[in-house]
């Protein structure tokens, strides 16, 4: 656009020179000059518009750069938030795993303790039945103690129980009573160990 108007201006100038050189009337000369001035004014206006457009482009480029910077900052914030979420999820998963393990250990200890308490109760009932020579109750308690000793799963306790039953079958009352007393003592010891373990677990 600017080049086109520059060419027009040069052409007008040359025509003006030719007209003047050829003795063109003043009116025509003035008209050519007026057209030249108008063309120059349009060139100046176009240049002003170009400068204005260039300024707007620079402003837009600056806005785009700022927007891009904000987008990058937001992407960084989103990435950080995602990392925090993942970390929180990982922590929550670990906590759930620890809680599950804690509950499992607690249930296991409680079951073990319950079996020993049950066995201790059978001892008492057994002695009471023996005192009144209640053979039916003695037989029932013996069966209950067999299954409960097995459920406790302590090798030493099982051995003492087998010794006591052997003495009972052989009619060795003194040895039987000693083994049975040892059976009770060992059960109380195991019960105490479970109580300590349970207390330690609850203190974690």
N, C-alpha and C. Protein backbone atom coordinates (compact mmCIF):
# COMPACT_ATOMS: atom_id res chain seq x y z
N UNK A 1 0.84 -1.21 0.00
CA UNK A 1 0.00 0.00 0.00
C UNK A 1 0.87 1.25 0.00
N UNK A 2 1.86 1.26 0.87
CA UNK A 2 2.75 2.44 0.97
C UNK A 2 3.54 2.60 -0.31
N UNK A 3 4.01 1.52 -0.87
CA UNK A 3 4.80 1.59 -2.10
C UNK A 3 3.94 2.14 -3.24
N UNK A 4 2.67 1.70 -3.25
CA UNK A 4 1.78 2.17 -4.32
C UNK A 4 1.58 3.66 -4.25
N UNK A 5 1.35 4.17 -3.06
CA UNK A 5 1.15 5.63 -2.92
C UNK A 5 2.44 6.41 -3.15
N UNK A 6 3.57 5.76 -2.81
CA UNK A 6 4.85 6.43 -3.08
C UNK A 6 5.04 6.57 -4.60
N UNK A 7 4.67 5.52 -5.33
CA UNK A 7 4.77 5.57 -6.80
C UNK A 7 3.86 6.64 -7.37
N UNK A 8 2.65 6.75 -6.78
CA UNK A 8 1.70 7.78 -7.23
C UNK A 8 2.30 9.17 -7.00
N UNK A 9 2.91 9.33 -5.80
CA UNK A 9 3.50 10.64 -5.47
C UNK A 9 4.60 11.02 -6.42
N UNK A 10 5.47 10.04 -6.77
CA UNK A 10 6.58 10.31 -7.69
C UNK A 10 6.03 10.66 -9.06
N UNK A 11 5.00 9.93 -9.46
CA UNK A 11 4.40 10.20 -10.78
C UNK A 11 3.81 11.60 -10.84
N UNK A 12 3.09 11.95 -9.79
CA UNK A 12 2.50 13.29 -9.73
C UNK A 12 3.57 14.37 -9.79
N UNK A 13 4.68 14.12 -9.06
CA UNK A 13 5.77 15.08 -9.02
C UNK A 13 6.38 15.26 -10.41
N UNK A 14 6.59 14.15 -11.10
CA UNK A 14 7.15 14.21 -12.44
C UNK A 14 6.22 14.95 -13.40
N UNK A 15 4.92 14.61 -13.27
CA UNK A 15 3.94 15.29 -14.13
C UNK A 15 3.95 16.78 -13.86
N UNK A 16 4.06 17.12 -12.59
CA UNK A 16 4.08 18.55 -12.20
C UNK A 16 5.27 19.24 -12.84
N UNK A 17 6.41 18.55 -12.79
CA UNK A 17 7.61 19.15 -13.38
C UNK A 17 7.45 19.33 -14.88
N UNK A 18 6.87 18.31 -15.50
CA UNK A 18 6.67 18.39 -16.93
C UNK A 18 5.69 19.49 -17.31
N UNK A 19 4.65 19.57 -16.51
CA UNK A 19 3.63 20.59 -16.77
C UNK A 19 4.21 21.99 -16.63
N UNK A 20 4.99 22.12 -15.55
CA UNK A 20 5.62 23.44 -15.32
C UNK A 20 6.59 23.74 -16.46
N UNK A 21 7.35 22.68 -16.81
CA UNK A 21 8.36 22.91 -17.87
C UNK A 21 7.70 23.24 -19.21
N UNK A 22 6.49 22.73 -19.37
CA UNK A 22 5.80 22.96 -20.65
C UNK A 22 4.87 24.16 -20.62
N UNK A 23 4.90 24.85 -19.54
CA UNK A 23 4.08 26.05 -19.43
C UNK A 23 2.62 25.74 -19.18
N UNK A 24 2.38 24.73 -18.29
CA UNK A 24 0.99 24.41 -17.92
C UNK A 24 0.42 25.56 -17.13
N UNK A 25 -0.86 25.83 -17.33
CA UNK A 25 -1.49 26.93 -16.58
C UNK A 25 -1.41 26.71 -15.07
N UNK A 26 -1.42 27.79 -14.32
CA UNK A 26 -1.27 27.76 -12.86
C UNK A 26 -2.36 26.93 -12.20
N UNK A 27 -3.58 27.01 -12.72
CA UNK A 27 -4.70 26.28 -12.10
C UNK A 27 -4.46 24.77 -12.14
N UNK A 28 -4.01 24.32 -13.31
CA UNK A 28 -3.74 22.89 -13.42
C UNK A 28 -2.58 22.48 -12.52
N UNK A 29 -1.61 23.37 -12.46
CA UNK A 29 -0.46 23.10 -11.58
C UNK A 29 -0.89 22.99 -10.13
N UNK A 30 -1.76 23.93 -9.73
CA UNK A 30 -2.25 23.92 -8.34
C UNK A 30 -3.07 22.66 -8.08
N UNK A 31 -3.85 22.22 -9.06
CA UNK A 31 -4.67 21.02 -8.89
C UNK A 31 -3.79 19.79 -8.69
N UNK A 32 -2.71 19.73 -9.46
CA UNK A 32 -1.78 18.59 -9.32
C UNK A 32 -1.13 18.60 -7.94
N UNK A 33 -0.73 19.81 -7.51
CA UNK A 33 -0.12 19.91 -6.18
C UNK A 33 -1.11 19.50 -5.09
N UNK A 34 -2.37 19.91 -5.26
CA UNK A 34 -3.40 19.55 -4.28
C UNK A 34 -3.56 18.03 -4.23
N UNK A 35 -3.54 17.41 -5.41
CA UNK A 35 -3.67 15.94 -5.45
C UNK A 35 -2.47 15.27 -4.80
N UNK A 36 -1.32 15.87 -5.02
CA UNK A 36 -0.10 15.34 -4.40
C UNK A 36 -0.18 15.43 -2.88
N UNK A 37 -0.65 16.60 -2.40
CA UNK A 37 -0.79 16.76 -0.94
C UNK A 37 -1.78 15.77 -0.37
N UNK A 38 -2.89 15.55 -1.13
CA UNK A 38 -3.90 14.59 -0.66
C UNK A 38 -3.31 13.19 -0.59
N UNK A 39 -2.51 12.85 -1.62
CA UNK A 39 -1.88 11.53 -1.63
C UNK A 39 -0.91 11.38 -0.46
N UNK A 40 -0.14 12.46 -0.19
CA UNK A 40 0.81 12.43 0.92
C UNK A 40 0.09 12.29 2.25
N UNK A 41 -1.06 12.98 2.35
CA UNK A 41 -1.84 12.90 3.59
C UNK A 41 -2.36 11.48 3.80
N UNK A 42 -2.80 10.85 2.69
CA UNK A 42 -3.29 9.47 2.80
C UNK A 42 -2.16 8.53 3.20
N UNK A 43 -0.97 8.77 2.61
CA UNK A 43 0.20 7.96 2.99
C UNK A 43 0.49 8.10 4.48
N UNK A 44 0.45 9.36 4.96
CA UNK A 44 0.70 9.62 6.39
C UNK A 44 -0.34 8.93 7.25
N UNK A 45 -1.63 8.98 6.80
CA UNK A 45 -2.71 8.33 7.54
C UNK A 45 -2.51 6.81 7.57
N UNK A 46 -2.14 6.28 6.39
CA UNK A 46 -1.91 4.84 6.33
C UNK A 46 -0.75 4.41 7.22
N UNK A 47 0.30 5.25 7.25
CA UNK A 47 1.45 4.95 8.10
C UNK A 47 1.05 4.96 9.56
N UNK A 48 0.17 5.95 9.91
CA UNK A 48 -0.32 6.04 11.28
C UNK A 48 -1.13 4.79 11.65
N UNK A 49 -1.99 4.37 10.68
CA UNK A 49 -2.78 3.15 10.92
C UNK A 49 -1.89 1.93 11.07
N UNK A 50 -0.83 1.90 10.25
CA UNK A 50 0.11 0.78 10.33
C UNK A 50 0.81 0.74 11.69
N UNK A 51 1.25 1.94 12.12
CA UNK A 51 1.91 2.02 13.44
C UNK A 51 0.96 1.59 14.55
N UNK A 52 -0.31 2.03 14.43
CA UNK A 52 -1.31 1.66 15.44
C UNK A 52 -1.54 0.15 15.45
N UNK A 53 -1.65 -0.42 14.24
CA UNK A 53 -1.85 -1.87 14.14
C UNK A 53 -0.66 -2.63 14.71
N UNK A 54 0.55 -2.10 14.43
CA UNK A 54 1.75 -2.73 14.96
C UNK A 54 1.75 -2.70 16.48
N UNK A 55 1.30 -1.56 17.03
CA UNK A 55 1.22 -1.44 18.49
C UNK A 55 0.22 -2.44 19.06
N UNK A 56 -0.91 -2.62 18.37
CA UNK A 56 -1.91 -3.57 18.83
C UNK A 56 -1.37 -5.00 18.76
N UNK A 57 -0.63 -5.29 17.70
CA UNK A 57 -0.04 -6.62 17.57
C UNK A 57 0.93 -6.90 18.73
N UNK A 58 1.76 -5.89 19.04
CA UNK A 58 2.71 -6.05 20.14
C UNK A 58 1.99 -6.25 21.46
N UNK A 59 0.87 -5.49 21.63
CA UNK A 59 0.07 -5.65 22.86
C UNK A 59 -0.50 -7.06 22.94
N UNK A 60 -1.05 -7.53 21.80
CA UNK A 60 -1.62 -8.88 21.76
C UNK A 60 -0.54 -9.93 22.03
N UNK A 61 0.64 -9.74 21.45
CA UNK A 61 1.73 -10.68 21.69
C UNK A 61 2.11 -10.71 23.16
N UNK A 62 2.11 -9.53 23.79
CA UNK A 62 2.40 -9.45 25.22
C UNK A 62 1.33 -10.17 26.03
N UNK A 63 0.05 -9.96 25.61
CA UNK A 63 -1.06 -10.63 26.30
C UNK A 63 -0.97 -12.14 26.15
N UNK A 64 -0.61 -12.57 24.93
CA UNK A 64 -0.47 -14.01 24.68
C UNK A 64 0.65 -14.59 25.54
N UNK A 65 1.77 -13.87 25.61
CA UNK A 65 2.90 -14.32 26.44
C UNK A 65 2.49 -14.43 27.91
N UNK A 66 1.77 -13.42 28.39
CA UNK A 66 1.30 -13.43 29.79
C UNK A 66 0.32 -14.58 30.02
N UNK A 67 -0.60 -14.78 29.04
CA UNK A 67 -1.57 -15.86 29.16
C UNK A 67 -0.86 -17.22 29.18
N UNK A 68 0.15 -17.37 28.34
CA UNK A 68 0.92 -18.61 28.30
C UNK A 68 1.62 -18.85 29.62
N UNK A 69 2.16 -17.78 30.19
CA UNK A 69 2.82 -17.89 31.50
C UNK A 69 1.82 -18.32 32.57
N UNK A 70 0.61 -17.76 32.52
CA UNK A 70 -0.43 -18.13 33.48
C UNK A 70 -0.85 -19.59 33.29
N UNK A 71 -0.95 -20.02 32.03
CA UNK A 71 -1.31 -21.41 31.75
C UNK A 71 -0.26 -22.36 32.31
N UNK A 72 1.02 -22.00 32.10
CA UNK A 72 2.11 -22.84 32.61
C UNK A 72 2.07 -22.90 34.13
N UNK A 73 1.77 -21.75 34.76
CA UNK A 73 1.67 -21.72 36.23
C UNK A 73 0.52 -22.60 36.71
N UNK A 74 -0.62 -22.52 35.99
CA UNK A 74 -1.78 -23.34 36.35
C UNK A 74 -1.47 -24.82 36.15
N UNK A 75 -0.78 -25.16 35.07
CA UNK A 75 -0.41 -26.55 34.83
C UNK A 75 0.50 -27.06 35.95
N UNK A 76 1.41 -26.19 36.39
CA UNK A 76 2.30 -26.56 37.49
C UNK A 76 1.50 -26.79 38.78
N UNK A 77 0.52 -25.89 39.02
CA UNK A 77 -0.33 -26.04 40.22
C UNK A 77 -1.14 -27.32 40.15
N UNK A 78 -1.66 -27.63 38.95
CA UNK A 78 -2.45 -28.85 38.78
C UNK A 78 -1.57 -30.09 39.02
N UNK A 79 -0.36 -30.06 38.48
CA UNK A 79 0.56 -31.19 38.67
C UNK A 79 0.89 -31.37 40.15
N UNK A 80 1.12 -30.25 40.84
CA UNK A 80 1.42 -30.32 42.27
C UNK A 80 0.22 -30.86 43.04
N UNK A 81 -0.98 -30.40 42.66
CA UNK A 81 -2.20 -30.89 43.33
C UNK A 81 -2.38 -32.39 43.10
N UNK A 82 -2.10 -32.84 41.88
CA UNK A 82 -2.21 -34.26 41.57
C UNK A 82 -1.21 -35.07 42.39
N UNK A 83 0.00 -34.54 42.55
CA UNK A 83 1.00 -35.21 43.37
C UNK A 83 0.55 -35.30 44.83
N UNK A 84 -0.05 -34.21 45.32
CA UNK A 84 -0.54 -34.20 46.69
C UNK A 84 -1.68 -35.20 46.87
N UNK A 85 -2.55 -35.27 45.86
CA UNK A 85 -3.66 -36.22 45.92
C UNK A 85 -3.12 -37.66 45.94
N UNK A 86 -2.16 -37.92 45.06
CA UNK A 86 -1.57 -39.26 45.02
C UNK A 86 -0.88 -39.60 46.33
N UNK A 87 -0.19 -38.61 46.91
CA UNK A 87 0.48 -38.82 48.19
C UNK A 87 -0.54 -39.11 49.29
N UNK A 88 -1.64 -38.33 49.27
CA UNK A 88 -2.70 -38.53 50.27
C UNK A 88 -3.35 -39.90 50.11
N UNK A 89 -3.57 -40.30 48.84
CA UNK A 89 -4.16 -41.62 48.58
C UNK A 89 -3.22 -42.72 49.05
N UNK A 90 -1.92 -42.54 48.81
CA UNK A 90 -0.94 -43.52 49.24
C UNK A 90 -0.91 -43.63 50.76
N UNK A 91 -0.96 -42.45 51.44
CA UNK A 91 -0.96 -42.43 52.90
C UNK A 91 -2.22 -43.10 53.44
N UNK A 92 -3.36 -42.81 52.79
CA UNK A 92 -4.62 -43.40 53.23
C UNK A 92 -4.60 -44.92 53.04
N UNK A 93 -4.03 -45.37 51.91
CA UNK A 93 -3.93 -46.80 51.65
C UNK A 93 -3.04 -47.48 52.69
N UNK A 94 -1.92 -46.83 53.02
CA UNK A 94 -1.01 -47.38 54.04
C UNK A 94 -1.70 -47.43 55.39
N UNK A 95 -2.46 -46.37 55.70
CA UNK A 95 -3.18 -46.33 56.98
C UNK A 95 -4.23 -47.44 57.05
N UNK A 96 -4.95 -47.65 55.93
CA UNK A 96 -5.95 -48.72 55.91
C UNK A 96 -5.29 -50.09 56.08
N UNK A 97 -4.13 -50.25 55.44
CA UNK A 97 -3.40 -51.51 55.55
C UNK A 97 -2.95 -51.74 57.00
N UNK A 98 -2.44 -50.68 57.64
CA UNK A 98 -2.00 -50.78 59.03
C UNK A 98 -3.18 -51.09 59.95
N UNK A 99 -4.32 -50.43 59.67
CA UNK A 99 -5.51 -50.66 60.48
C UNK A 99 -5.99 -52.10 60.33
N UNK A 100 -5.98 -52.59 59.08
CA UNK A 100 -6.40 -53.97 58.84
C UNK A 100 -5.49 -54.95 59.56
N UNK A 101 -4.17 -54.68 59.50
CA UNK A 101 -3.20 -55.54 60.18
C UNK A 101 -3.40 -55.48 61.70
N UNK A 102 -3.66 -54.27 62.21
CA UNK A 102 -3.88 -54.08 63.65
C UNK A 102 -5.12 -54.87 64.10
N UNK A 103 -6.20 -54.76 63.32
CA UNK A 103 -7.44 -55.47 63.66
C UNK A 103 -7.24 -56.97 63.62
N UNK A 104 -6.47 -57.43 62.60
CA UNK A 104 -6.20 -58.87 62.48
C UNK A 104 -5.41 -59.37 63.68
N UNK A 105 -4.36 -58.61 64.06
CA UNK A 105 -3.54 -59.01 65.22
C UNK A 105 -4.37 -58.99 66.49
N UNK A 106 -5.21 -57.98 66.61
CA UNK A 106 -6.05 -57.84 67.80
C UNK A 106 -7.04 -59.00 67.90
N UNK A 107 -7.66 -59.33 66.78
CA UNK A 107 -8.61 -60.45 66.77
C UNK A 107 -7.92 -61.77 67.09
N UNK A 108 -6.70 -61.93 66.54
CA UNK A 108 -5.95 -63.15 66.80
C UNK A 108 -5.60 -63.28 68.28
N UNK A 109 -5.14 -62.18 68.87
CA UNK A 109 -4.81 -62.20 70.31
C UNK A 109 -6.04 -62.45 71.16
N UNK A 110 -7.14 -61.81 70.77
CA UNK A 110 -8.36 -61.97 71.55
C UNK A 110 -8.88 -63.41 71.48
N UNK A 111 -8.79 -64.02 70.29
CA UNK A 111 -9.21 -65.42 70.13
C UNK A 111 -8.33 -66.33 70.96
N UNK A 112 -7.02 -66.08 70.94
CA UNK A 112 -6.09 -66.88 71.73
C UNK A 112 -6.38 -66.74 73.21
N UNK A 113 -6.60 -65.51 73.64
CA UNK A 113 -6.92 -65.26 75.06
C UNK A 113 -8.23 -65.92 75.45
N UNK A 114 -9.21 -65.86 74.56
CA UNK A 114 -10.52 -66.44 74.84
C UNK A 114 -10.41 -67.96 75.02
N UNK A 115 -9.57 -68.61 74.19
CA UNK A 115 -9.40 -70.06 74.32
C UNK A 115 -8.78 -70.44 75.66
N UNK A 116 -7.85 -69.66 76.13
CA UNK A 116 -7.21 -69.96 77.41
C UNK A 116 -8.16 -69.71 78.58
N UNK A 117 -8.97 -68.66 78.46
CA UNK A 117 -9.98 -68.42 79.48
C UNK A 117 -11.01 -69.55 79.50
N UNK A 118 -11.37 -70.01 78.30
CA UNK A 118 -12.31 -71.13 78.20
C UNK A 118 -11.73 -72.38 78.84
N UNK A 119 -10.43 -72.63 78.58
CA UNK A 119 -9.76 -73.80 79.14
C UNK A 119 -9.70 -73.71 80.66
N UNK A 120 -9.40 -72.52 81.17
CA UNK A 120 -9.36 -72.34 82.63
C UNK A 120 -10.73 -72.60 83.26
N UNK A 121 -11.79 -72.19 82.57
CA UNK A 121 -13.15 -72.45 83.07
C UNK A 121 -13.43 -73.95 83.10
N UNK A 122 -12.96 -74.69 82.08
CA UNK A 122 -13.15 -76.14 82.05
C UNK A 122 -12.43 -76.82 83.21
N UNK A 123 -11.23 -76.30 83.57
CA UNK A 123 -10.50 -76.86 84.72
C UNK A 123 -11.35 -76.78 85.98
N UNK A 124 -11.92 -75.62 86.19
CA UNK A 124 -12.73 -75.40 87.39
C UNK A 124 -13.93 -76.35 87.42
N UNK A 125 -14.62 -76.44 86.25
CA UNK A 125 -15.79 -77.32 86.17
C UNK A 125 -15.36 -78.78 86.36
N UNK A 126 -14.20 -79.12 85.80
CA UNK A 126 -13.69 -80.49 85.92
C UNK A 126 -13.45 -80.84 87.39
N UNK A 127 -12.79 -79.95 88.13
CA UNK A 127 -12.51 -80.19 89.55
C UNK A 127 -13.80 -80.29 90.36
N UNK A 128 -14.75 -79.44 90.00
CA UNK A 128 -16.03 -79.48 90.71
C UNK A 128 -16.74 -80.81 90.45
N UNK A 129 -16.70 -81.28 89.20
CA UNK A 129 -17.33 -82.57 88.86
C UNK A 129 -16.61 -83.72 89.55
N UNK A 130 -15.27 -83.62 89.63
CA UNK A 130 -14.49 -84.68 90.29
C UNK A 130 -14.81 -84.74 91.77
N UNK A 131 -15.05 -83.56 92.37
CA UNK A 131 -15.32 -83.51 93.80
C UNK A 131 -16.62 -84.25 94.16
N UNK A 132 -17.60 -84.21 93.25
CA UNK A 132 -18.89 -84.88 93.50
C UNK A 132 -19.01 -86.18 92.71
N UNK A 133 -17.88 -86.55 92.08
CA UNK A 133 -17.82 -87.79 91.31
C UNK A 133 -18.91 -87.86 90.23
N UNK A 134 -19.07 -86.75 89.52
CA UNK A 134 -20.04 -86.67 88.43
C UNK A 134 -19.34 -87.14 87.16
N UNK A 135 -19.47 -88.45 86.88
CA UNK A 135 -18.74 -89.04 85.76
C UNK A 135 -19.15 -88.46 84.41
N UNK A 136 -20.44 -88.15 84.26
CA UNK A 136 -20.91 -87.60 82.99
C UNK A 136 -20.27 -86.23 82.70
N UNK A 137 -20.27 -85.38 83.74
CA UNK A 137 -19.66 -84.04 83.56
C UNK A 137 -18.15 -84.16 83.36
N UNK A 138 -17.52 -85.12 84.07
CA UNK A 138 -16.07 -85.32 83.89
C UNK A 138 -15.74 -85.71 82.45
N UNK A 139 -16.55 -86.63 81.90
CA UNK A 139 -16.33 -87.06 80.52
C UNK A 139 -16.52 -85.90 79.54
N UNK A 140 -17.56 -85.11 79.78
CA UNK A 140 -17.83 -83.96 78.89
C UNK A 140 -16.71 -82.93 78.96
N UNK A 141 -16.27 -82.62 80.18
CA UNK A 141 -15.20 -81.64 80.35
C UNK A 141 -13.89 -82.13 79.77
N UNK A 142 -13.67 -83.45 79.86
CA UNK A 142 -12.43 -84.00 79.30
C UNK A 142 -12.40 -83.80 77.78
N UNK A 143 -13.54 -84.08 77.14
CA UNK A 143 -13.62 -83.87 75.69
C UNK A 143 -13.46 -82.39 75.33
N UNK A 144 -14.09 -81.54 76.14
CA UNK A 144 -13.97 -80.09 75.89
C UNK A 144 -12.52 -79.64 76.02
N UNK A 145 -11.82 -80.17 77.04
CA UNK A 145 -10.43 -79.77 77.27
C UNK A 145 -9.53 -80.28 76.16
N UNK A 146 -9.81 -81.47 75.64
CA UNK A 146 -9.00 -82.00 74.55
C UNK A 146 -9.04 -81.05 73.35
N UNK A 147 -10.26 -80.68 72.93
CA UNK A 147 -10.40 -79.81 71.76
C UNK A 147 -9.82 -78.41 72.02
N UNK A 148 -9.98 -77.92 73.26
CA UNK A 148 -9.51 -76.57 73.57
C UNK A 148 -7.99 -76.53 73.67
N UNK A 149 -7.38 -77.56 74.26
CA UNK A 149 -5.91 -77.62 74.32
C UNK A 149 -5.34 -77.65 72.91
N UNK A 150 -5.97 -78.43 72.03
CA UNK A 150 -5.52 -78.46 70.63
C UNK A 150 -5.67 -77.08 69.99
N UNK A 151 -6.77 -76.38 70.31
CA UNK A 151 -7.02 -75.05 69.72
C UNK A 151 -5.99 -74.03 70.21
N UNK A 152 -5.55 -74.18 71.46
CA UNK A 152 -4.53 -73.25 71.98
C UNK A 152 -3.24 -73.40 71.19
N UNK A 153 -2.89 -74.63 70.85
CA UNK A 153 -1.75 -74.87 69.96
C UNK A 153 -0.40 -74.64 70.60
N UNK A 154 -0.28 -74.89 71.91
CA UNK A 154 1.01 -74.75 72.57
C UNK A 154 1.57 -76.14 72.84
N UNK A 155 2.76 -76.42 72.32
CA UNK A 155 3.34 -77.76 72.41
C UNK A 155 3.55 -78.20 73.86
N UNK A 156 4.06 -77.30 74.69
CA UNK A 156 4.32 -77.65 76.09
C UNK A 156 3.02 -77.96 76.83
N UNK A 157 2.00 -77.11 76.57
CA UNK A 157 0.71 -77.34 77.21
C UNK A 157 0.12 -78.67 76.76
N UNK A 158 0.24 -78.99 75.48
CA UNK A 158 -0.26 -80.26 74.95
C UNK A 158 0.44 -81.45 75.60
N UNK A 159 1.74 -81.32 75.81
CA UNK A 159 2.51 -82.40 76.44
C UNK A 159 2.07 -82.63 77.88
N UNK A 160 1.89 -81.54 78.63
CA UNK A 160 1.43 -81.66 80.02
C UNK A 160 0.05 -82.31 80.06
N UNK A 161 -0.81 -81.91 79.11
CA UNK A 161 -2.15 -82.49 79.05
C UNK A 161 -2.09 -84.00 78.77
N UNK A 162 -1.24 -84.41 77.83
CA UNK A 162 -1.09 -85.83 77.52
C UNK A 162 -0.57 -86.60 78.73
N UNK A 163 0.37 -85.99 79.45
CA UNK A 163 0.89 -86.64 80.66
C UNK A 163 -0.21 -86.82 81.69
N UNK A 164 -1.02 -85.78 81.87
CA UNK A 164 -2.10 -85.85 82.86
C UNK A 164 -3.10 -86.94 82.48
N UNK A 165 -3.46 -87.03 81.21
CA UNK A 165 -4.41 -88.04 80.77
C UNK A 165 -3.81 -89.46 80.92
N UNK A 166 -2.51 -89.58 80.65
CA UNK A 166 -1.85 -90.88 80.82
C UNK A 166 -1.88 -91.33 82.27
N UNK A 167 -1.57 -90.39 83.18
CA UNK A 167 -1.62 -90.71 84.61
C UNK A 167 -3.03 -91.07 85.04
N UNK A 168 -4.02 -90.40 84.49
CA UNK A 168 -5.41 -90.68 84.85
C UNK A 168 -5.80 -92.08 84.40
N UNK A 169 -5.39 -92.48 83.20
CA UNK A 169 -5.73 -93.80 82.67
C UNK A 169 -5.00 -94.90 83.44
N UNK A 170 -3.81 -94.58 83.94
CA UNK A 170 -3.02 -95.56 84.71
C UNK A 170 -3.41 -95.59 86.18
N UNK A 171 -4.29 -94.69 86.57
CA UNK A 171 -4.74 -94.65 87.96
C UNK A 171 -3.72 -94.05 88.91
N UNK A 172 -2.75 -93.29 88.37
CA UNK A 172 -1.74 -92.64 89.20
C UNK A 172 -2.27 -91.28 89.64
N UNK A 173 -3.00 -91.29 90.73
CA UNK A 173 -3.71 -90.10 91.16
C UNK A 173 -2.76 -88.96 91.54
N UNK A 174 -1.69 -89.26 92.27
CA UNK A 174 -0.77 -88.21 92.70
C UNK A 174 -0.12 -87.53 91.50
N UNK A 175 0.39 -88.36 90.57
CA UNK A 175 1.01 -87.81 89.37
C UNK A 175 0.00 -87.02 88.52
N UNK A 176 -1.25 -87.59 88.49
CA UNK A 176 -2.28 -86.90 87.72
C UNK A 176 -2.56 -85.52 88.30
N UNK A 177 -2.69 -85.44 89.62
CA UNK A 177 -3.00 -84.16 90.26
C UNK A 177 -1.86 -83.17 90.05
N UNK A 178 -0.63 -83.66 90.10
CA UNK A 178 0.53 -82.77 89.89
C UNK A 178 0.54 -82.25 88.44
N UNK A 179 0.27 -83.15 87.49
CA UNK A 179 0.24 -82.74 86.09
C UNK A 179 -0.92 -81.79 85.81
N UNK A 180 -2.05 -82.08 86.47
CA UNK A 180 -3.20 -81.21 86.25
C UNK A 180 -2.94 -79.82 86.82
N UNK A 181 -2.28 -79.77 87.99
CA UNK A 181 -1.93 -78.48 88.57
C UNK A 181 -0.97 -77.73 87.65
N UNK A 182 0.00 -78.49 87.09
CA UNK A 182 0.94 -77.86 86.15
C UNK A 182 0.22 -77.38 84.90
N UNK A 183 -0.78 -78.14 84.49
CA UNK A 183 -1.60 -77.76 83.34
C UNK A 183 -2.27 -76.41 83.58
N UNK A 184 -2.82 -76.24 84.77
CA UNK A 184 -3.48 -74.99 85.12
C UNK A 184 -2.49 -73.83 85.17
N UNK A 185 -1.31 -74.10 85.77
CA UNK A 185 -0.29 -73.05 85.88
C UNK A 185 0.17 -72.59 84.49
N UNK A 186 0.41 -73.59 83.62
CA UNK A 186 0.87 -73.26 82.27
C UNK A 186 -0.20 -72.48 81.52
N UNK A 187 -1.44 -72.84 81.70
CA UNK A 187 -2.53 -72.11 81.03
C UNK A 187 -2.59 -70.66 81.50
N UNK A 188 -2.45 -70.46 82.82
CA UNK A 188 -2.46 -69.10 83.37
C UNK A 188 -1.28 -68.29 82.83
N UNK A 189 -0.11 -68.95 82.70
CA UNK A 189 1.06 -68.25 82.14
C UNK A 189 0.81 -67.81 80.70
N UNK A 190 0.26 -68.72 79.92
CA UNK A 190 -0.04 -68.38 78.52
C UNK A 190 -1.11 -67.29 78.44
N UNK A 191 -2.07 -67.35 79.33
CA UNK A 191 -3.12 -66.32 79.38
C UNK A 191 -2.49 -64.96 79.70
N UNK A 192 -1.53 -64.97 80.66
CA UNK A 192 -0.84 -63.72 81.03
C UNK A 192 -0.03 -63.15 79.87
N UNK A 193 0.60 -64.04 79.08
CA UNK A 193 1.37 -63.58 77.93
C UNK A 193 0.44 -62.91 76.89
N UNK A 194 -0.73 -63.49 76.71
CA UNK A 194 -1.69 -62.90 75.77
C UNK A 194 -2.18 -61.54 76.26
N UNK A 195 -2.41 -61.44 77.58
CA UNK A 195 -2.86 -60.18 78.14
C UNK A 195 -1.81 -59.10 77.93
N UNK A 196 -0.53 -59.43 78.14
CA UNK A 196 0.55 -58.47 77.94
C UNK A 196 0.65 -58.06 76.46
N UNK A 197 0.55 -59.06 75.58
CA UNK A 197 0.62 -58.76 74.13
C UNK A 197 -0.56 -57.90 73.70
N UNK A 198 -1.74 -58.20 74.26
CA UNK A 198 -2.94 -57.41 73.93
C UNK A 198 -2.79 -55.98 74.42
N UNK A 199 -2.26 -55.82 75.62
CA UNK A 199 -2.07 -54.49 76.18
C UNK A 199 -1.04 -53.71 75.35
N UNK A 200 0.03 -54.37 74.92
CA UNK A 200 1.05 -53.73 74.10
C UNK A 200 0.46 -53.31 72.75
N UNK A 201 -0.37 -54.14 72.17
CA UNK A 201 -0.99 -53.83 70.88
C UNK A 201 -1.94 -52.64 71.00
N UNK A 202 -2.69 -52.59 72.09
CA UNK A 202 -3.62 -51.49 72.29
C UNK A 202 -2.88 -50.18 72.60
N UNK A 203 -1.62 -50.27 73.03
CA UNK A 203 -0.84 -49.08 73.36
C UNK A 203 -0.11 -48.51 72.15
N UNK A 204 -0.16 -49.21 71.01
CA UNK A 204 0.55 -48.74 69.81
C UNK A 204 -0.08 -47.47 69.27
